[in-house]
Amino acid sequence: MILFRAVSAEEYKDFIIDLNFRTAENTLEAKQFFKSEKAVLEFVKIAHKRSYRPPYKHILTIDVDSQRLAAIDFESQNLDGYDAITIQEGDLPYFNKCLTFTSERNV
């Protein structure tokens, strides 16, 4: 399964240390991933219009092993009209083990 996540420069710097997602102090205690590139691009566009801080600087494209992901308790949901999943903080270490490939591009 391919997932997409918009990240700030700070989150990107943290992620590339060991290619693991973590939550940071004073942030949501979960990570949300869109199921389509169109969705994440629209999300970034809306955030930019609303002057969201910190601004999104990168989009991560993540290939996730679907069989391993099925063993994790995640929430499927609709974010801003698009399909997405949410991984709670306690499940992030298991989610990180599901990643098989990640690429990045600047926004």
Protein backbone atom coordinates (compact mmCIF):
# COMPACT_ATOMS: atom_id res chain seq x y z
CA MET A 1 0.00 0.00 0.00
CA ILE A 2 1.27 3.46 -0.87
CA LEU A 3 0.63 6.28 1.62
CA PHE A 4 1.46 9.98 1.55
CA ARG A 5 2.32 12.39 4.37
CA ALA A 6 3.02 16.12 4.31
CA VAL A 7 5.71 17.12 6.80
CA SER A 8 7.35 20.27 8.05
CA ALA A 9 11.09 20.82 7.70
CA GLU A 10 11.48 19.89 11.39
CA GLU A 11 9.55 16.63 11.07
CA TYR A 12 11.51 15.78 7.93
CA LYS A 13 14.83 16.30 9.73
CA ASP A 14 13.64 14.01 12.52
CA PHE A 15 12.34 11.36 10.11
CA ILE A 16 15.53 11.06 8.04
CA ILE A 17 17.62 10.29 11.13
CA ASP A 18 16.46 6.67 11.08
CA LEU A 19 13.41 6.65 8.76
CA ASN A 20 11.02 6.40 11.69
CA PHE A 21 7.91 8.39 12.48
CA ARG A 22 7.57 9.77 16.00
CA THR A 23 5.38 12.30 17.69
CA ALA A 24 6.94 15.44 19.11
CA GLU A 25 6.10 17.50 22.15
CA ASN A 26 3.04 19.72 21.67
CA THR A 27 1.86 17.84 18.57
CA LEU A 28 -0.96 15.45 17.80
CA GLU A 29 -0.32 12.07 19.45
CA ALA A 30 -0.77 10.29 16.14
CA LYS A 31 0.35 10.45 12.51
CA GLN A 32 -2.07 10.74 9.63
CA PHE A 33 -1.38 9.45 6.12
CA PHE A 34 -3.40 10.04 2.97
CA LYS A 35 -4.10 7.19 0.59
CA SER A 36 -3.62 9.30 -2.54
CA GLU A 37 -1.18 11.84 -3.85
CA LYS A 38 -4.06 14.07 -4.94
CA ALA A 39 -5.29 14.18 -1.34
CA VAL A 40 -1.98 15.15 0.20
CA LEU A 41 -1.40 17.85 -2.44
CA GLU A 42 -4.85 19.33 -1.77
CA PHE A 43 -4.17 19.20 1.98
CA VAL A 44 -0.88 21.11 1.51
CA LYS A 45 -2.62 23.65 -0.73
CA ILE A 46 -5.32 24.31 1.87
CA ALA A 47 -2.77 24.53 4.70
CA HIS A 48 -0.75 27.05 2.69
CA LYS A 49 -3.83 29.22 2.08
CA ARG A 50 -4.57 29.14 5.82
CA SER A 51 -0.93 30.03 6.65
CA TYR A 52 -0.57 26.87 8.71
CA ARG A 53 2.53 26.91 10.93
CA PRO A 54 4.92 25.29 10.69
CA PRO A 55 4.44 25.12 6.92
CA TYR A 56 4.65 21.83 5.07
CA LYS A 57 7.90 21.61 3.11
CA HIS A 58 8.05 17.96 2.01
CA ILE A 59 5.77 15.17 0.91
CA LEU A 60 6.80 11.66 1.85
CA THR A 61 5.64 8.76 -0.30
CA ILE A 62 5.70 5.60 1.77
CA ASP A 63 5.39 2.02 0.61
CA VAL A 64 3.90 -0.02 3.44
CA ASP A 65 3.78 -3.80 3.70
CA SER A 66 0.01 -4.41 3.74
CA GLN A 67 0.24 -7.72 5.61
CA ARG A 68 2.23 -6.18 8.45
CA LEU A 69 -0.04 -3.13 8.47
CA ALA A 70 -3.08 -5.37 8.91
CA ALA A 71 -1.66 -6.49 12.27
CA ILE A 72 -1.67 -2.89 13.58
CA ASP A 73 -4.67 -1.20 15.10
CA PHE A 74 -5.13 1.82 12.83
CA GLU A 75 -8.09 4.01 12.07
CA SER A 76 -9.37 4.44 8.52
CA GLN A 77 -11.05 7.80 8.12
CA ASN A 78 -12.02 10.60 5.81
CA LEU A 79 -9.84 13.71 6.13
CA ASP A 80 -10.92 16.77 4.18
CA GLY A 81 -12.91 14.55 1.83
CA TYR A 82 -10.09 12.05 1.19
CA ASP A 83 -9.33 8.54 2.45
CA ALA A 84 -6.62 8.44 5.09
CA ILE A 85 -5.39 6.38 8.00
CA THR A 86 -4.32 7.42 11.48
CA ILE A 87 -1.63 5.61 13.44
CA GLN A 88 -1.69 6.34 17.17
CA GLU A 89 1.55 7.12 18.98
CA GLY A 90 1.74 3.71 20.68
CA ASP A 91 1.50 1.93 17.32
CA LEU A 92 4.14 4.01 15.52
CA PRO A 93 7.04 1.64 16.41
CA TYR A 94 5.12 -1.23 14.76
CA PHE A 95 4.10 0.95 11.81
CA ASN A 96 7.74 1.94 11.26
CA LYS A 97 8.57 -1.75 10.81
CA CYS A 98 6.00 -1.91 7.97
CA LEU A 99 7.84 0.64 5.79
CA THR A 100 9.57 -0.91 2.80
CA PHE A 101 10.41 2.21 0.80
CA THR A 102 10.15 5.95 1.25
CA SER A 103 10.76 8.80 -1.16
CA GLU A 104 10.55 12.53 -0.64
CA ARG A 105 9.88 15.61 -2.67
CA ASN A 106 9.78 19.27 -1.83
CA VAL A 107 6.49 21.10 -1.80
